[in-house]
């Protein structure tokens, strides 16, 4: 069985000159945790080979702009400040309003100038920015599948030498789970696609040691584009639901920033008044423990990703049908050839 995306590939600048690369996909990509972006702060992040400046105004709203001041090109993420609702350039202190327009200078009238904005959403404690080819506006939204009050409490991030599509593909590569992570997997429902969203439902459990083999968890996965993966795992014996995120951002050619996040919530949302706050320290501790386990598994993947290459025509075998399904679904996020 072959899965083929040859029309999307470009030649890599790798030394052998033979490794095919994929272009940057469009979609929503996480650039920061919400708690990193405090009121009045300015951050610089990489997205698709370019700097993006994130900032939060005094009223708590987050924004993302292209990095250079239209006056004389100063980098707004290097010394830029927030004054009330405005982003102020470090070079000549031109002030820019939330709509991007220049609204003030230290002296004299301000010019007709405007910052170029990127669309921002905040979901469950993540700052997520839209990347569109030729700066096209968002074509779809990150779904509000997790309750808005569920906020990531434990996170871990690393840089990976792989294309962002390969990281998201990992969730559909069932064969690697027992081979790399010692996890048994059973597909409960085949992957289902609806536009930019892909859902799957698996039953997972350890395949060793023998004493743990009876432990099984049903996991619901949601992919929203190639940069957002969310898993939800009910754990009835502990009375909680685990929420796991793997949010990826392409930072450069074959470079991806991987961020893992975990939250834990009460499985019964109608607990008696006063009981839920008492559970929060337990939930935070459990989230940290689950993150530690997820990171140990992710490090095994990162070691492989950092050394592998992308195969545009993989020779898939029986049991790899989900990978072929995923690759055909992923085509929609690339420019039409």
Protein backbone atom coordinates (compact mmCIF):
# COMPACT_ATOMS: atom_id res chain seq x y z
CA UNK A 1 0.00 0.00 0.00
CA UNK A 2 1.43 3.38 -1.00
CA UNK A 3 0.56 6.82 0.29
CA UNK A 4 1.67 9.52 -2.12
CA UNK A 5 2.06 13.29 -1.79
CA UNK A 6 4.67 13.95 -4.51
CA UNK A 7 3.12 17.17 -5.78
CA UNK A 8 3.63 18.86 -2.40
CA UNK A 9 7.33 18.10 -2.07
CA UNK A 10 10.23 20.43 -2.67
CA UNK A 11 13.91 19.64 -2.61
CA UNK A 12 15.64 20.00 0.71
CA UNK A 13 18.84 21.89 1.23
CA UNK A 14 20.18 18.79 2.94
CA UNK A 15 23.68 17.74 1.99
CA UNK A 16 22.56 14.76 -0.09
CA UNK A 17 20.23 16.95 -2.15
CA UNK A 18 17.77 14.06 -2.37
CA UNK A 19 15.57 14.37 0.70
CA UNK A 20 12.10 15.70 -0.21
CA UNK A 21 10.60 18.38 1.99
CA UNK A 22 7.07 19.63 2.50
CA UNK A 23 6.22 23.34 2.44
CA UNK A 24 4.73 25.08 5.46
CA UNK A 25 1.07 24.14 5.98
CA UNK A 26 -1.63 26.65 6.78
CA UNK A 27 -3.38 26.39 10.13
CA UNK A 28 -3.39 27.35 13.79
CA UNK A 29 -0.09 27.00 15.66
CA UNK A 30 0.65 27.54 19.35
CA UNK A 31 3.37 30.13 20.01
CA UNK A 32 3.16 30.52 23.80
CA UNK A 33 1.35 29.59 27.01
CA UNK A 34 -1.14 32.20 28.10
CA UNK A 35 0.70 32.58 31.40
CA UNK A 36 3.91 33.48 29.52
CA UNK A 37 2.15 36.47 28.02
CA UNK A 38 1.37 38.57 31.07
CA UNK A 39 -0.32 41.97 30.82
CA UNK A 40 2.15 44.49 29.48
CA UNK A 41 4.57 41.86 28.15
CA UNK A 42 6.09 41.52 24.67
CA UNK A 43 7.46 38.21 23.30
CA UNK A 44 9.12 37.17 20.04
CA UNK A 45 8.38 33.73 18.59
CA UNK A 46 9.20 31.95 15.33
CA UNK A 47 6.55 30.81 12.88
CA UNK A 48 7.28 29.48 9.39
CA UNK A 49 10.75 30.98 9.30
CA UNK A 50 9.67 34.45 10.43
CA UNK A 51 9.54 36.32 13.71
CA UNK A 52 6.12 37.00 15.23
CA UNK A 53 5.75 39.56 18.04
CA UNK A 54 3.15 38.67 20.68
CA UNK A 55 1.95 41.20 23.23
CA UNK A 56 -0.83 41.64 25.78
CA UNK A 57 -2.40 45.02 26.45
CA UNK A 58 -3.59 46.44 29.74
CA UNK A 59 -7.11 45.07 29.27
CA UNK A 60 -5.77 41.51 28.92
CA UNK A 61 -6.21 41.10 25.16
CA UNK A 62 -3.47 39.28 23.23
CA UNK A 63 -2.20 40.32 19.80
CA UNK A 64 0.32 39.09 17.22
CA UNK A 65 2.01 41.34 14.67
CA UNK A 66 4.75 41.21 12.08
CA UNK A 67 7.94 42.27 13.83
CA UNK A 68 9.15 45.44 12.11
CA UNK A 69 8.03 49.00 12.72
CA UNK A 70 6.80 50.58 9.44
CA UNK A 71 8.62 53.82 10.33
CA UNK A 72 12.29 52.78 10.09
CA UNK A 73 12.20 49.03 10.62
CA UNK A 74 13.00 48.58 14.30
CA UNK A 75 12.18 45.13 15.69
CA UNK A 76 9.21 45.60 18.00
CA UNK A 77 10.07 42.47 19.99
CA UNK A 78 13.50 43.83 20.97
CA UNK A 79 12.76 46.57 23.47
CA UNK A 80 9.15 47.23 22.50
CA UNK A 81 6.87 48.14 25.41
CA UNK A 82 3.17 48.35 26.24
CA UNK A 83 1.59 51.61 27.33
CA UNK A 84 -2.07 51.04 28.14
CA UNK A 85 -3.52 49.56 24.97
CA UNK A 86 -0.67 50.53 22.66
CA UNK A 87 2.51 48.80 21.51
CA UNK A 88 5.39 51.31 21.52
CA UNK A 89 8.39 51.02 19.21
CA UNK A 90 11.78 51.07 21.02
CA UNK A 91 13.49 53.21 18.32
CA UNK A 92 11.43 56.42 18.06
CA UNK A 93 8.55 55.57 20.44
CA UNK A 94 5.84 55.53 17.80
CA UNK A 95 2.70 54.05 19.41
CA UNK A 96 0.43 51.55 17.64
CA UNK A 97 -3.16 50.85 18.67
CA UNK A 98 -4.69 47.34 18.88
CA UNK A 99 -6.02 47.73 15.33
CA UNK A 100 -2.44 48.29 14.14
CA UNK A 101 -2.75 51.97 13.31
CA UNK A 102 -0.11 54.48 14.43
CA UNK A 103 -1.75 56.73 17.02
CA UNK A 104 1.07 58.76 18.49
CA UNK A 105 4.67 59.96 18.50
CA UNK A 106 6.67 61.74 21.22
CA UNK A 107 6.60 64.92 19.18
CA UNK A 108 4.62 66.12 16.20
CA UNK A 109 1.81 64.48 14.21
CA UNK A 110 1.94 60.75 13.64
CA UNK A 111 2.29 59.30 10.13
CA UNK A 112 -0.23 57.13 8.33
CA UNK A 113 1.31 53.82 9.23
CA UNK A 114 -0.09 50.45 10.27
CA UNK A 115 1.29 47.25 11.75
CA UNK A 116 0.47 44.01 10.00
CA UNK A 117 -1.49 41.75 12.33
CA UNK A 118 -1.84 37.99 12.59
CA UNK A 119 -5.04 36.45 13.95
CA UNK A 120 -4.80 35.17 17.54
CA UNK A 121 -6.98 32.82 19.56
CA UNK A 122 -6.54 31.65 23.17
CA UNK A 123 -7.76 28.18 24.02
CA UNK A 124 -7.30 26.36 27.34
CA UNK A 125 -4.19 28.33 28.25
CA UNK A 126 -2.50 28.35 24.81
CA UNK A 127 -1.85 31.38 22.58
CA UNK A 128 -2.54 30.13 19.06
CA UNK A 129 -1.74 32.11 15.89
CA UNK A 130 -3.06 31.59 12.37
CA UNK A 131 -0.61 31.05 9.50
CA UNK A 132 -2.07 31.33 6.00
CA UNK A 133 -0.35 31.17 2.65
CA UNK A 134 -0.03 34.67 1.20
CA UNK A 135 -1.42 35.94 4.52
CA UNK A 136 -4.89 34.57 3.83
CA UNK A 137 -7.33 34.98 6.76
CA UNK A 138 -8.42 32.01 8.89
CA UNK A 139 -10.43 29.47 6.94
CA UNK A 140 -11.58 27.56 10.03
CA UNK A 141 -11.44 27.72 13.82
CA UNK A 142 -9.92 25.75 16.67
CA UNK A 143 -12.96 23.95 18.09
CA UNK A 144 -14.07 24.55 21.67
CA UNK A 145 -14.14 20.86 22.47
CA UNK A 146 -12.61 21.14 25.93
CA UNK A 147 -14.60 23.26 28.39
CA UNK A 148 -13.19 26.81 28.39
CA UNK A 149 -12.49 26.61 32.12
CA UNK A 150 -10.05 23.73 31.54
CA UNK A 151 -6.61 25.31 31.57
CA UNK A 152 -3.33 23.52 30.98
CA UNK A 153 -1.43 23.25 34.28
CA UNK A 154 1.73 21.29 33.36
CA UNK A 155 3.77 21.83 30.19
CA UNK A 156 7.00 20.78 28.49
CA UNK A 157 8.53 21.96 25.21
CA UNK A 158 11.40 21.05 22.92
CA UNK A 159 12.63 21.69 19.37
CA UNK A 160 12.48 18.84 16.86
CA UNK A 161 14.32 18.46 13.54
CA UNK A 162 11.26 17.28 11.62
CA UNK A 163 8.39 18.70 9.61
CA UNK A 164 5.28 19.57 11.59
CA UNK A 165 3.21 17.07 9.56
CA UNK A 166 5.33 14.19 10.84
CA UNK A 167 4.66 15.04 14.48
CA UNK A 168 0.90 15.03 14.05
CA UNK A 169 1.16 11.83 12.00
CA UNK A 170 2.50 10.05 15.07
CA UNK A 171 -1.00 9.76 16.52
CA UNK A 172 -2.12 7.71 13.50
CA UNK A 173 0.98 5.50 13.43
CA UNK A 174 -0.43 2.73 15.60
CA UNK A 175 2.37 0.29 14.75
CA UNK A 176 5.03 2.35 16.56
CA UNK A 177 3.15 2.35 19.89
CA UNK A 178 4.05 -1.20 20.97
CA UNK A 179 7.43 -1.10 19.21
CA UNK A 180 8.67 2.17 20.71
CA UNK A 181 6.49 2.90 23.73
CA UNK A 182 5.50 -0.62 24.89
CA UNK A 183 1.81 0.30 24.60
CA UNK A 184 -0.88 -2.03 23.30
CA UNK A 185 -3.37 -0.31 20.99
CA UNK A 186 -6.81 -1.23 19.72
CA UNK A 187 -8.65 0.97 17.24
CA UNK A 188 -12.22 1.37 18.52
CA UNK A 189 -13.40 3.63 15.70
CA UNK A 190 -11.56 4.24 12.40
CA UNK A 191 -10.28 7.79 11.88
CA UNK A 192 -13.02 10.15 10.75
CA UNK A 193 -12.41 13.44 8.96
CA UNK A 194 -14.67 16.45 8.78
CA UNK A 195 -12.97 19.27 6.89
CA UNK A 196 -9.90 20.40 8.86
CA UNK A 197 -10.73 18.12 11.81
CA UNK A 198 -9.78 14.48 12.23
CA UNK A 199 -10.99 12.30 15.09
CA UNK A 200 -10.00 8.85 16.28
CA UNK A 201 -10.84 6.67 19.26
CA UNK A 202 -8.36 4.13 20.66
CA UNK A 203 -8.04 1.80 23.61
CA UNK A 204 -4.53 1.96 25.05
CA UNK A 205 -2.71 0.15 27.82
CA UNK A 206 0.79 -1.01 28.78
CA UNK A 207 2.02 -4.28 27.26
CA UNK A 208 4.44 -4.84 30.13
CA UNK A 209 4.96 -5.72 32.89
CA UNK A 210 2.43 -8.53 33.16
CA UNK A 211 0.78 -7.06 36.27
CA UNK A 212 -0.24 -3.93 34.32
CA UNK A 213 -1.52 -5.57 31.15
CA UNK A 214 -5.15 -5.43 32.27
CA UNK A 215 -5.07 -1.63 32.61
CA UNK A 216 -6.84 -0.07 29.64
CA UNK A 217 -7.94 3.48 28.84
CA UNK A 218 -10.24 4.69 26.09
CA UNK A 219 -8.72 7.78 24.47
CA UNK A 220 -10.49 10.25 22.19
CA UNK A 221 -8.18 12.16 19.84
CA UNK A 222 -8.89 15.34 17.92
CA UNK A 223 -6.58 16.81 15.29
CA UNK A 224 -7.38 20.35 14.19
CA UNK A 225 -5.03 20.96 11.29
CA UNK A 226 -1.43 19.85 11.59
CA UNK A 227 -0.55 21.87 14.68
CA UNK A 228 -3.16 20.91 17.28
CA UNK A 229 -3.70 17.48 18.81
CA UNK A 230 -5.93 17.01 21.84
CA UNK A 231 -6.56 13.77 23.72
CA UNK A 232 -9.19 13.20 26.40
CA UNK A 233 -8.93 10.24 28.77
CA UNK A 234 -11.61 9.49 31.38
CA UNK A 235 -10.14 7.72 34.42
CA UNK A 236 -13.19 6.53 36.44
CA UNK A 237 -11.19 4.83 39.24
CA UNK A 238 -9.64 8.21 40.06
CA UNK A 239 -12.81 10.19 39.35
CA UNK A 240 -11.11 12.48 36.83
CA UNK A 241 -10.63 13.30 33.15
CA UNK A 242 -7.14 13.83 31.76
CA UNK A 243 -6.76 16.40 28.99
CA UNK A 244 -3.55 16.16 26.96
CA UNK A 245 -2.39 18.48 24.20
CA UNK A 246 0.45 18.22 21.70
CA UNK A 247 0.61 21.57 19.93
CA UNK A 248 3.21 22.01 17.21
CA UNK A 249 4.54 25.12 15.46
CA UNK A 250 6.76 25.03 12.35
CA UNK A 251 9.63 27.39 13.10
CA UNK A 252 11.87 26.80 10.08
CA UNK A 253 12.60 24.28 7.30
CA UNK A 254 12.28 20.87 8.99
CA UNK A 255 12.18 22.54 12.39
CA UNK A 256 9.21 22.27 14.73
CA UNK A 257 8.56 23.49 18.26
CA UNK A 258 6.72 20.78 20.21
CA UNK A 259 4.72 21.72 23.30
CA UNK A 260 3.03 19.11 25.48
CA UNK A 261 0.42 20.14 28.02
CA UNK A 262 -1.75 18.34 30.56
CA UNK A 263 -4.76 19.29 32.66
CA UNK A 264 -6.89 17.20 35.01
CA UNK A 265 -10.54 17.86 35.85
CA UNK A 266 -13.23 16.27 37.97
CA UNK A 267 -15.16 13.62 36.06
CA UNK A 268 -18.32 14.74 37.91
CA UNK A 269 -18.95 18.38 37.14
CA UNK A 270 -21.76 18.49 39.71
CA UNK A 271 -19.70 17.92 42.86
CA UNK A 272 -21.15 19.41 46.06
CA UNK A 273 -20.19 23.03 46.58
CA UNK A 274 -16.81 23.40 48.21
CA UNK A 275 -15.49 19.96 47.25
CA UNK A 276 -14.05 20.77 43.81
CA UNK A 277 -11.54 23.39 45.11
CA UNK A 278 -10.22 20.76 47.52
CA UNK A 279 -9.45 18.49 44.58
CA UNK A 280 -7.43 21.08 42.64
CA UNK A 281 -4.06 20.29 44.30
CA UNK A 282 -4.68 16.59 43.61
CA UNK A 283 -5.52 17.36 39.99
CA UNK A 284 -2.39 19.48 39.55
CA UNK A 285 -0.21 16.75 41.03
CA UNK A 286 -1.80 14.14 38.78
CA UNK A 287 -1.32 16.39 35.73
CA UNK A 288 2.38 16.74 36.54
CA UNK A 289 2.72 12.97 36.92
CA UNK A 290 0.98 12.32 33.61
CA UNK A 291 3.13 14.95 31.90
CA UNK A 292 6.26 13.23 33.23
CA UNK A 293 5.09 9.97 31.63
CA UNK A 294 4.16 11.69 28.36
CA UNK A 295 7.56 13.41 28.18
CA UNK A 296 9.40 10.13 28.69
CA UNK A 297 7.45 8.69 25.72
CA UNK A 298 7.93 11.84 23.62
CA UNK A 299 11.69 11.77 24.09
CA UNK A 300 11.76 8.35 22.42
CA UNK A 301 9.90 9.85 19.45
CA UNK A 302 12.12 12.94 19.33
CA UNK A 303 15.23 10.80 19.07
CA UNK A 304 13.74 9.08 16.01
CA UNK A 305 12.34 12.27 14.44
CA UNK A 306 15.69 14.03 14.72
CA UNK A 307 17.42 11.34 12.67
CA UNK A 308 14.75 10.29 10.16
CA UNK A 309 13.74 11.78 6.83
CA UNK A 310 10.31 12.37 5.34
CA UNK A 311 9.22 9.68 2.90
CA UNK A 312 6.71 11.09 0.38
CA UNK A 313 5.91 7.61 -0.99
CA UNK A 314 5.99 5.33 2.06
CA UNK A 315 5.64 1.59 1.49
CA UNK A 316 2.80 1.08 3.92
CA UNK A 317 1.85 -2.35 5.22
CA UNK A 318 -1.33 -3.93 6.56
CA UNK A 319 -2.25 -2.04 9.72
CA UNK A 320 -0.96 1.28 8.37
CA UNK A 321 -4.26 2.34 6.80
CA UNK A 322 -4.66 5.23 9.25
CA UNK A 323 -1.38 6.76 8.03
CA UNK A 324 -2.55 6.75 4.42
CA UNK A 325 -5.89 8.23 5.51
CA UNK A 326 -4.06 10.96 7.46
CA UNK A 327 -1.78 11.90 4.57
CA UNK A 328 -4.66 12.34 2.16
CA UNK A 329 -6.50 14.45 4.75
CA UNK A 330 -3.37 16.57 5.30
CA UNK A 331 -3.22 17.69 1.66
CA UNK A 332 -5.84 20.38 2.25
CA UNK A 333 -3.43 22.48 4.35
CA UNK A 334 -0.92 23.08 1.56
CA UNK A 335 -1.05 25.50 -1.38
CA UNK A 336 -2.67 24.11 -4.50
CA UNK A 337 0.17 23.11 -6.85
